[in-house]
Amino acid sequence: MTLKVWEREQGDWAVLQVCGEMDLVTSPAVRQRVHDAVADGRRSLVLDLGEVRFCDSSGVGVLIAARRLMRSCQGQLRLILPAQGAVEGSHVNRVLAALGVRRLFEVYPDLASATDDTDDTTGPLSA
């Protein structure tokens, strides 16, 4: 399976929707899209990983590098992963948890909650 990345805007947020498999061959495309967004001046970025079916250590490395890049430019990075127990997209959630790095990310169940900055009571999902 290949990897596809679509970009769109949601308010002040740049949203990269990722679909497919993030592995050694495909994950550099996600890294490049994150770098492109930052180069375009975007400082609020959402990675929608709800349709990622597989993620290996290369993919995790890209996510950690994206977090580091966004922090270095005083930006924000949020991940969208379906709620716990969901079948689709749960692979990435399990991989991040198994590696002990899920707590590094702000994780949301959907686009609406990931891009909503008005209500402080609906924060990220706990690890």
Protein backbone atom coordinates (compact mmCIF):
# COMPACT_ATOMS: atom_id res chain seq x y z
CA MET A 1 0.00 0.00 0.00
CA THR A 2 1.16 3.52 -0.71
CA LEU A 3 0.89 6.69 1.31
CA LYS A 4 -1.22 9.70 0.39
CA VAL A 5 -1.17 13.08 2.09
CA TRP A 6 -3.79 15.77 1.55
CA GLU A 7 -3.48 19.28 2.89
CA ARG A 8 -6.30 21.61 3.81
CA GLU A 9 -6.96 24.50 6.18
CA GLN A 10 -9.30 24.54 9.14
CA GLY A 11 -9.35 28.03 10.60
CA ASP A 12 -5.81 28.86 11.70
CA TRP A 13 -4.75 25.22 11.43
CA ALA A 14 -3.01 23.49 8.56
CA VAL A 15 -4.33 19.93 8.40
CA LEU A 16 -2.38 17.10 6.80
CA GLN A 17 -4.56 14.04 6.32
CA VAL A 18 -2.41 10.93 5.99
CA CYS A 19 -3.73 7.71 4.48
CA GLY A 20 -1.89 4.42 3.98
CA GLU A 21 1.29 3.07 5.51
CA MET A 22 4.04 5.09 7.18
CA ASP A 23 7.23 3.10 6.75
CA LEU A 24 10.85 3.57 5.74
CA VAL A 25 9.91 4.22 2.11
CA THR A 26 6.81 6.38 2.55
CA SER A 27 7.30 8.36 5.78
CA PRO A 28 9.74 10.91 4.24
CA ALA A 29 6.74 12.26 2.28
CA VAL A 30 5.04 13.17 5.58
CA ARG A 31 8.25 14.75 6.86
CA GLN A 32 8.49 16.86 3.69
CA ARG A 33 4.87 18.01 3.93
CA VAL A 34 5.42 19.10 7.54
CA HIS A 35 8.56 21.02 6.52
CA ASP A 36 6.67 22.61 3.62
CA ALA A 37 3.90 23.78 5.95
CA VAL A 38 6.43 25.37 8.32
CA ALA A 39 8.28 26.96 5.38
CA ASP A 40 4.92 28.47 4.31
CA GLY A 41 4.66 30.10 7.73
CA ARG A 42 2.21 27.67 9.31
CA ARG A 43 2.69 27.32 13.07
CA SER A 44 -0.45 25.36 13.94
CA LEU A 45 -0.46 21.89 12.42
CA VAL A 46 -2.77 18.90 12.73
CA LEU A 47 -1.74 15.47 11.47
CA ASP A 48 -4.85 13.40 10.85
CA LEU A 49 -3.63 9.81 11.21
CA GLY A 50 -7.06 8.20 11.36
CA GLU A 51 -6.52 6.35 8.09
CA VAL A 52 -2.94 5.21 8.66
CA ARG A 53 -3.06 1.41 8.60
CA PHE A 54 0.57 0.73 9.49
CA CYS A 55 3.34 2.73 11.15
CA ASP A 56 6.84 1.45 11.83
CA SER A 57 9.72 3.10 13.68
CA SER A 58 10.44 5.33 10.66
CA GLY A 59 6.93 6.73 10.87
CA VAL A 60 7.26 7.27 14.62
CA GLY A 61 10.56 9.03 13.98
CA VAL A 62 8.82 11.40 11.57
CA LEU A 63 6.15 12.19 14.17
CA ILE A 64 8.78 12.91 16.83
CA ALA A 65 10.77 15.06 14.38
CA ALA A 66 7.59 16.96 13.49
CA ARG A 67 6.95 17.61 17.18
CA ARG A 68 10.51 18.85 17.63
CA LEU A 69 10.26 21.12 14.57
CA MET A 70 6.96 22.65 15.66
CA ARG A 71 8.28 23.27 19.18
CA SER A 72 11.45 24.89 17.79
CA CYS A 73 9.36 27.47 15.93
CA GLN A 74 6.95 28.00 18.86
CA GLY A 75 4.26 26.17 16.94
CA GLN A 76 1.65 23.59 17.86
CA LEU A 77 1.30 20.01 16.67
CA ARG A 78 -1.80 17.94 17.27
CA LEU A 79 -2.53 14.38 16.17
CA ILE A 80 -5.91 12.95 15.27
CA LEU A 81 -6.33 9.32 16.22
CA PRO A 82 -9.73 7.65 16.61
CA ALA A 83 -10.92 7.19 20.17
CA GLN A 84 -9.65 4.15 22.04
CA GLY A 85 -11.37 0.99 20.94
CA ALA A 86 -11.96 2.21 17.41
CA VAL A 87 -10.89 -0.24 14.74
CA GLU A 88 -9.65 2.24 12.14
CA GLY A 89 -6.43 4.05 12.92
CA SER A 90 -5.87 2.31 16.23
CA HIS A 91 -2.57 0.86 14.98
CA VAL A 92 -0.72 4.19 15.31
CA ASN A 93 -2.16 4.70 18.77
CA ARG A 94 -0.96 1.25 19.87
CA VAL A 95 2.52 1.77 18.37
CA LEU A 96 2.97 5.14 20.08
CA ALA A 97 1.76 3.70 23.40
CA ALA A 98 3.96 0.59 23.11
CA LEU A 99 7.03 2.75 22.51
CA GLY A 100 6.14 5.03 25.42
CA VAL A 101 5.98 8.17 23.30
CA ARG A 102 2.23 8.76 23.04
CA ARG A 103 2.37 11.09 26.03
CA LEU A 104 4.58 13.44 23.99
CA PHE A 105 1.68 14.31 21.69
CA GLU A 106 -1.61 16.12 21.98
CA VAL A 107 -4.02 13.51 20.64
CA TYR A 108 -7.62 14.24 19.65
CA PRO A 109 -10.40 11.94 18.39
CA ASP A 110 -11.52 14.10 15.45
CA LEU A 111 -10.81 17.24 13.46
CA ALA A 112 -13.40 19.39 15.22
CA SER A 113 -11.87 18.87 18.65
CA ALA A 114 -8.29 19.14 17.36
CA THR A 115 -8.88 22.55 15.82
CA ASP A 116 -11.20 23.98 18.48
CA ASP A 117 -9.32 26.43 20.68
CA THR A 118 -12.38 28.02 22.23
CA ASP A 119 -13.27 25.45 24.90
CA ASP A 120 -10.52 24.55 27.36
CA THR A 121 -12.62 21.75 28.90
CA THR A 122 -12.19 19.45 25.90
CA GLY A 123 -8.47 18.88 25.87
CA PRO A 124 -6.48 16.09 24.34
CA LEU A 125 -7.15 12.45 25.09
CA SER A 126 -5.13 11.13 27.98
CA ALA A 127 -2.38 8.58 27.36
